[in-house]
Amino acid sequence: MGEKETVIASRSEMYKSFDNASVLQIRLNSDYILQRVRTYLTGQIEIVTYDNDGNPIVERKKIAVPKANNEGIQAILNYVENVINPQTVQGNLTETQYDNYVAEIHSGLLENCMDNLYNWEIDEDNYNHLIDSIMVLVIPFISRLINNKERDSYGGFQVRETDTHVNRDKIGLFNKNN
């Protein structure tokens, strides 16, 4: 077996060790993208440090100017969360339908931000950049809608069910045999 084949075999074995729910959760998880959008909009990152007892302390560090006020940030995040989530990636669209869907998302985001440009304190000079930055993250995630690609990828997963029989008479504090 060549070096390349060994790497592939090792990866295959590694993926078999995941339980199926975890693999599906990883594939459908949109949290990373939503966190990237949140970081971009708020201009803040979260830094986790630990105190002497090992308890996590979450601090926010400003890295840029917020792209909108709090109301605007929340409204934009809500819109993006409605677009990318585990349920929305379960569709089956043709490429034409997908292209129309992307255009609909793009125009919806454009209109919402334009209608609320001043209410949400969005800088006119950053308006297009704001929309483009979000769409760059959204488009790849929802591309799995094309031709049922996401569901088709589940074909490689095997579901294993186990049934554990426990004699309830012999466990617990109130043993029937006591």
C-alpha atoms as a PDB file:
ATOM      1  CA  MET A   1       0.000   0.000   0.000  1.00  0.00           C
ATOM      2  CA  GLY A   2       1.436   3.401  -0.988  1.00  0.00           C
ATOM      3  CA  GLU A   3       1.721   6.389   1.325  1.00  0.00           C
ATOM      4  CA  LYS A   4      -1.350   8.109  -0.169  1.00  0.00           C
ATOM      5  CA  GLU A   5      -3.462   4.976   0.244  1.00  0.00           C
ATOM      6  CA  THR A   6      -2.382   4.655   3.872  1.00  0.00           C
ATOM      7  CA  VAL A   7      -3.533   8.198   4.624  1.00  0.00           C
ATOM      8  CA  ILE A   8      -6.913   7.548   3.011  1.00  0.00           C
ATOM      9  CA  ALA A   9      -7.316   4.261   4.902  1.00  0.00           C
ATOM     10  CA  SER A  10      -6.401   5.990   8.166  1.00  0.00           C
ATOM     11  CA  ARG A  11      -8.957   8.755   7.560  1.00  0.00           C
ATOM     12  CA  SER A  12     -11.572   6.155   6.759  1.00  0.00           C
ATOM     13  CA  GLU A  13     -10.900   4.375  10.030  1.00  0.00           C
ATOM     14  CA  MET A  14     -10.964   7.676  11.891  1.00  0.00           C
ATOM     15  CA  TYR A  15     -14.402   8.577  10.509  1.00  0.00           C
ATOM     16  CA  LYS A  16     -15.774   5.155  11.426  1.00  0.00           C
ATOM     17  CA  SER A  17     -14.917   5.913  15.046  1.00  0.00           C
ATOM     18  CA  PHE A  18     -17.339   8.887  15.126  1.00  0.00           C
ATOM     19  CA  ASP A  19     -20.831   7.981  16.129  1.00  0.00           C
ATOM     20  CA  ASN A  20     -23.340   8.768  13.399  1.00  0.00           C
ATOM     21  CA  ALA A  21     -25.149  11.522  15.233  1.00  0.00           C
ATOM     22  CA  SER A  22     -21.917  13.397  15.827  1.00  0.00           C
ATOM     23  CA  VAL A  23     -20.922  13.249  12.163  1.00  0.00           C
ATOM     24  CA  LEU A  24     -24.330  14.503  11.063  1.00  0.00           C
ATOM     25  CA  GLN A  25     -24.256  17.249  13.656  1.00  0.00           C
ATOM     26  CA  ILE A  26     -20.855  18.386  12.421  1.00  0.00           C
ATOM     27  CA  ARG A  27     -22.007  18.415   8.787  1.00  0.00           C
ATOM     28  CA  LEU A  28     -25.183  20.358   9.568  1.00  0.00           C
ATOM     29  CA  ASN A  29     -23.766  22.704  12.164  1.00  0.00           C
ATOM     30  CA  SER A  30     -24.021  26.329  11.095  1.00  0.00           C
ATOM     31  CA  ASP A  31     -22.652  27.757  14.359  1.00  0.00           C
ATOM     32  CA  TYR A  32     -19.199  28.480  12.933  1.00  0.00           C
ATOM     33  CA  ILE A  33     -20.619  30.519  10.057  1.00  0.00           C
ATOM     34  CA  LEU A  34     -23.019  32.357  12.330  1.00  0.00           C
ATOM     35  CA  GLN A  35     -20.178  33.144  14.723  1.00  0.00           C
ATOM     36  CA  ARG A  36     -18.128  34.531  11.833  1.00  0.00           C
ATOM     37  CA  VAL A  37     -21.062  36.765  10.823  1.00  0.00           C
ATOM     38  CA  ARG A  38     -21.517  37.848  14.454  1.00  0.00           C
ATOM     39  CA  THR A  39     -17.810  38.679  14.771  1.00  0.00           C
ATOM     40  CA  TYR A  40     -17.908  40.672  11.546  1.00  0.00           C
ATOM     41  CA  LEU A  41     -21.033  42.618  12.541  1.00  0.00           C
ATOM     42  CA  THR A  42     -20.076  43.346  16.148  1.00  0.00           C
ATOM     43  CA  GLY A  43     -16.366  43.935  15.516  1.00  0.00           C
ATOM     44  CA  GLN A  44     -15.631  41.802  18.580  1.00  0.00           C
ATOM     45  CA  ILE A  45     -14.078  38.427  19.225  1.00  0.00           C
ATOM     46  CA  GLU A  46     -14.534  36.276  22.279  1.00  0.00           C
ATOM     47  CA  ILE A  47     -11.414  35.257  24.143  1.00  0.00           C
ATOM     48  CA  VAL A  48     -11.681  32.457  26.673  1.00  0.00           C
ATOM     49  CA  THR A  49      -9.240  32.428  29.570  1.00  0.00           C
ATOM     50  CA  TYR A  50      -9.326  30.358  32.733  1.00  0.00           C
ATOM     51  CA  ASP A  51      -9.078  31.413  36.343  1.00  0.00           C
ATOM     52  CA  ASN A  52      -6.936  29.602  38.931  1.00  0.00           C
ATOM     53  CA  ASP A  53      -9.694  27.051  39.528  1.00  0.00           C
ATOM     54  CA  GLY A  54      -9.974  26.231  35.825  1.00  0.00           C
ATOM     55  CA  ASN A  55     -13.270  28.059  35.318  1.00  0.00           C
ATOM     56  CA  PRO A  56     -13.647  29.689  31.912  1.00  0.00           C
ATOM     57  CA  ILE A  57     -13.823  33.463  31.673  1.00  0.00           C
ATOM     58  CA  VAL A  58     -15.188  34.842  28.404  1.00  0.00           C
ATOM     59  CA  GLU A  59     -13.960  38.287  27.447  1.00  0.00           C
ATOM     60  CA  ARG A  60     -14.895  40.327  24.405  1.00  0.00           C
ATOM     61  CA  LYS A  61     -12.120  42.133  22.578  1.00  0.00           C
ATOM     62  CA  LYS A  62     -12.876  44.898  20.113  1.00  0.00           C
ATOM     63  CA  ILE A  63     -11.099  44.312  16.804  1.00  0.00           C
ATOM     64  CA  ALA A  64     -13.109  46.584  14.502  1.00  0.00           C
ATOM     65  CA  VAL A  65     -15.929  49.094  14.407  1.00  0.00           C
ATOM     66  CA  PRO A  66     -19.403  47.491  14.599  1.00  0.00           C
ATOM     67  CA  LYS A  67     -21.153  47.414  11.224  1.00  0.00           C
ATOM     68  CA  ALA A  68     -24.542  48.311  12.748  1.00  0.00           C
ATOM     69  CA  ASN A  69     -26.132  49.138  16.081  1.00  0.00           C
ATOM     70  CA  ASN A  70     -27.339  46.352  18.412  1.00  0.00           C
ATOM     71  CA  GLU A  71     -30.811  46.245  16.861  1.00  0.00           C
ATOM     72  CA  GLY A  72     -29.369  46.012  13.356  1.00  0.00           C
ATOM     73  CA  ILE A  73     -26.836  43.353  14.316  1.00  0.00           C
ATOM     74  CA  GLN A  74     -29.581  41.227  15.861  1.00  0.00           C
ATOM     75  CA  ALA A  75     -31.927  41.679  12.892  1.00  0.00           C
ATOM     76  CA  ILE A  76     -29.211  40.753  10.385  1.00  0.00           C
ATOM     77  CA  LEU A  77     -28.181  37.737  12.463  1.00  0.00           C
ATOM     78  CA  ASN A  78     -31.812  36.598  12.658  1.00  0.00           C
ATOM     79  CA  TYR A  79     -32.100  36.811   8.886  1.00  0.00           C
ATOM     80  CA  VAL A  80     -28.892  34.833   8.353  1.00  0.00           C
ATOM     81  CA  GLU A  81     -29.932  32.242  10.970  1.00  0.00           C
ATOM     82  CA  ASN A  82     -33.204  31.760   9.094  1.00  0.00           C
ATOM     83  CA  VAL A  83     -31.273  31.156   5.886  1.00  0.00           C
ATOM     84  CA  ILE A  84     -28.595  28.794   7.176  1.00  0.00           C
ATOM     85  CA  ASN A  85     -29.558  26.168   9.676  1.00  0.00           C
ATOM     86  CA  PRO A  86     -29.763  22.356   9.701  1.00  0.00           C
ATOM     87  CA  GLN A  87     -33.308  22.390   8.318  1.00  0.00           C
ATOM     88  CA  THR A  88     -32.701  24.642   5.332  1.00  0.00           C
ATOM     89  CA  VAL A  89     -29.794  22.561   4.043  1.00  0.00           C
ATOM     90  CA  GLN A  90     -32.092  19.535   3.716  1.00  0.00           C
ATOM     91  CA  GLY A  91     -33.676  20.709   0.468  1.00  0.00           C
ATOM     92  CA  ASN A  92     -33.426  19.347  -3.049  1.00  0.00           C
ATOM     93  CA  LEU A  93     -33.083  22.114  -5.632  1.00  0.00           C
ATOM     94  CA  THR A  94     -32.041  22.130  -9.244  1.00  0.00           C
ATOM     95  CA  GLU A  95     -29.173  24.462 -10.104  1.00  0.00           C
ATOM     96  CA  THR A  96     -31.656  26.993 -11.506  1.00  0.00           C
ATOM     97  CA  GLN A  97     -33.767  26.853  -8.354  1.00  0.00           C
ATOM     98  CA  TYR A  98     -30.613  27.223  -6.267  1.00  0.00           C
ATOM     99  CA  ASP A  99     -29.476  30.255  -8.250  1.00  0.00           C
ATOM    100  CA  ASN A 100     -32.933  31.812  -7.761  1.00  0.00           C
ATOM    101  CA  TYR A 101     -32.779  31.026  -4.034  1.00  0.00           C
ATOM    102  CA  VAL A 102     -29.362  32.684  -3.687  1.00  0.00           C
ATOM    103  CA  ALA A 103     -30.672  35.725  -5.575  1.00  0.00           C
ATOM    104  CA  GLU A 104     -33.712  35.827  -3.247  1.00  0.00           C
ATOM    105  CA  ILE A 105     -31.521  35.675  -0.140  1.00  0.00           C
ATOM    106  CA  HIS A 106     -29.214  38.348  -1.545  1.00  0.00           C
ATOM    107  CA  SER A 107     -32.047  40.710  -2.463  1.00  0.00           C
ATOM    108  CA  GLY A 108     -33.780  40.101   0.885  1.00  0.00           C
ATOM    109  CA  LEU A 109     -30.639  40.999   2.769  1.00  0.00           C
ATOM    110  CA  LEU A 110     -30.072  44.027   0.517  1.00  0.00           C
ATOM    111  CA  GLU A 111     -33.626  45.286   1.006  1.00  0.00           C
ATOM    112  CA  ASN A 112     -33.701  44.717   4.771  1.00  0.00           C
ATOM    113  CA  CYS A 113     -30.420  46.550   5.256  1.00  0.00           C
ATOM    114  CA  MET A 114     -31.318  49.352   2.832  1.00  0.00           C
ATOM    115  CA  ASP A 115     -34.756  49.884   4.385  1.00  0.00           C
ATOM    116  CA  ASN A 116     -33.141  50.135   7.812  1.00  0.00           C
ATOM    117  CA  LEU A 117     -29.850  51.767   6.843  1.00  0.00           C
ATOM    118  CA  TYR A 118     -30.312  54.701   9.212  1.00  0.00           C
ATOM    119  CA  ASN A 119     -32.367  52.911  11.882  1.00  0.00           C
ATOM    120  CA  TRP A 120     -29.601  50.323  12.219  1.00  0.00           C
ATOM    121  CA  GLU A 121     -26.814  52.912  11.853  1.00  0.00           C
ATOM    122  CA  ILE A 122     -25.191  51.114   8.904  1.00  0.00           C
ATOM    123  CA  ASP A 123     -22.468  53.176   7.258  1.00  0.00           C
ATOM    124  CA  GLU A 124     -23.442  53.859   3.650  1.00  0.00           C
ATOM    125  CA  ASP A 125     -19.832  53.334   2.554  1.00  0.00           C
ATOM    126  CA  ASN A 126     -19.790  49.829   4.094  1.00  0.00           C
ATOM    127  CA  TYR A 127     -23.250  48.765   2.933  1.00  0.00           C
ATOM    128  CA  ASN A 128     -22.155  46.701  -0.085  1.00  0.00           C
ATOM    129  CA  HIS A 129     -19.207  45.211   1.778  1.00  0.00           C
ATOM    130  CA  LEU A 130     -21.525  44.152   4.595  1.00  0.00           C
ATOM    131  CA  ILE A 131     -23.843  42.302   2.205  1.00  0.00           C
ATOM    132  CA  ASP A 132     -20.985  40.712   0.231  1.00  0.00           C
ATOM    133  CA  SER A 133     -19.198  39.552   3.388  1.00  0.00           C
ATOM    134  CA  ILE A 134     -22.285  37.748   4.613  1.00  0.00           C
ATOM    135  CA  MET A 135     -23.140  36.207   1.234  1.00  0.00           C
ATOM    136  CA  VAL A 136     -19.615  34.825   0.884  1.00  0.00           C
ATOM    137  CA  LEU A 137     -20.280  32.747   4.000  1.00  0.00           C
ATOM    138  CA  VAL A 138     -23.886  31.809   3.205  1.00  0.00           C
ATOM    139  CA  ILE A 139     -23.496  30.634  -0.400  1.00  0.00           C
ATOM    140  CA  PRO A 140     -21.137  27.681   0.213  1.00  0.00           C
ATOM    141  CA  PHE A 141     -23.235  26.385   3.113  1.00  0.00           C
ATOM    142  CA  ILE A 142     -26.475  26.327   1.147  1.00  0.00           C
ATOM    143  CA  SER A 143     -24.845  24.930  -1.994  1.00  0.00           C
ATOM    144  CA  ARG A 144     -25.574  21.499  -0.524  1.00  0.00           C
ATOM    145  CA  LEU A 145     -29.193  22.081  -1.550  1.00  0.00           C
ATOM    146  CA  ILE A 146     -28.278  21.442  -5.197  1.00  0.00           C
ATOM    147  CA  ASN A 147     -29.509  18.073  -6.460  1.00  0.00           C
ATOM    148  CA  ASN A 148     -29.998  16.678  -2.957  1.00  0.00           C
ATOM    149  CA  LYS A 149     -26.227  16.636  -2.311  1.00  0.00           C
ATOM    150  CA  GLU A 150     -26.537  16.824   1.469  1.00  0.00           C
ATOM    151  CA  ARG A 151     -28.917  13.878   1.810  1.00  0.00           C
ATOM    152  CA  ASP A 152     -27.003  11.856  -0.759  1.00  0.00           C
ATOM    153  CA  SER A 153     -23.891  12.224   1.383  1.00  0.00           C
ATOM    154  CA  TYR A 154     -25.649  10.351   4.188  1.00  0.00           C
ATOM    155  CA  GLY A 155     -25.483   7.147   2.145  1.00  0.00           C
ATOM    156  CA  GLY A 156     -22.026   6.397   3.529  1.00  0.00           C
ATOM    157  CA  PHE A 157     -23.226   6.483   7.120  1.00  0.00           C
ATOM    158  CA  GLN A 158     -24.302   3.308   8.806  1.00  0.00           C
ATOM    159  CA  VAL A 159     -26.791   3.452  11.619  1.00  0.00           C
ATOM    160  CA  ARG A 160     -26.093   1.100  14.474  1.00  0.00           C
ATOM    161  CA  GLU A 161     -28.732   0.494  17.060  1.00  0.00           C
ATOM    162  CA  THR A 162     -28.039  -1.267  20.307  1.00  0.00           C
ATOM    163  CA  ASP A 163     -30.553  -2.628  22.713  1.00  0.00           C
ATOM    164  CA  THR A 164     -29.422  -3.015  26.288  1.00  0.00           C
ATOM    165  CA  HIS A 165     -31.581  -5.193  28.477  1.00  0.00           C
ATOM    166  CA  VAL A 166     -31.377  -4.375  32.143  1.00  0.00           C
ATOM    167  CA  ASN A 167     -32.944  -6.405  34.882  1.00  0.00           C
ATOM    168  CA  ARG A 168     -34.694  -3.632  36.801  1.00  0.00           C
ATOM    169  CA  ASP A 169     -35.139  -5.932  39.824  1.00  0.00           C
ATOM    170  CA  LYS A 170     -31.383  -5.982  40.463  1.00  0.00           C
ATOM    171  CA  ILE A 171     -30.389  -2.312  40.135  1.00  0.00           C
ATOM    172  CA  GLY A 172     -30.850   0.829  42.109  1.00  0.00           C
ATOM    173  CA  LEU A 173     -31.231   1.674  45.771  1.00  0.00           C
ATOM    174  CA  PHE A 174     -34.510  -0.134  46.185  1.00  0.00           C
ATOM    175  CA  ASN A 175     -33.523  -3.615  45.128  1.00  0.00           C
ATOM    176  CA  LYS A 176     -36.550  -5.926  45.100  1.00  0.00           C
ATOM    177  CA  ASN A 177     -34.274  -8.677  46.355  1.00  0.00           C
ATOM    178  CA  ASN A 178     -33.324  -6.757  49.551  1.00  0.00           C
END
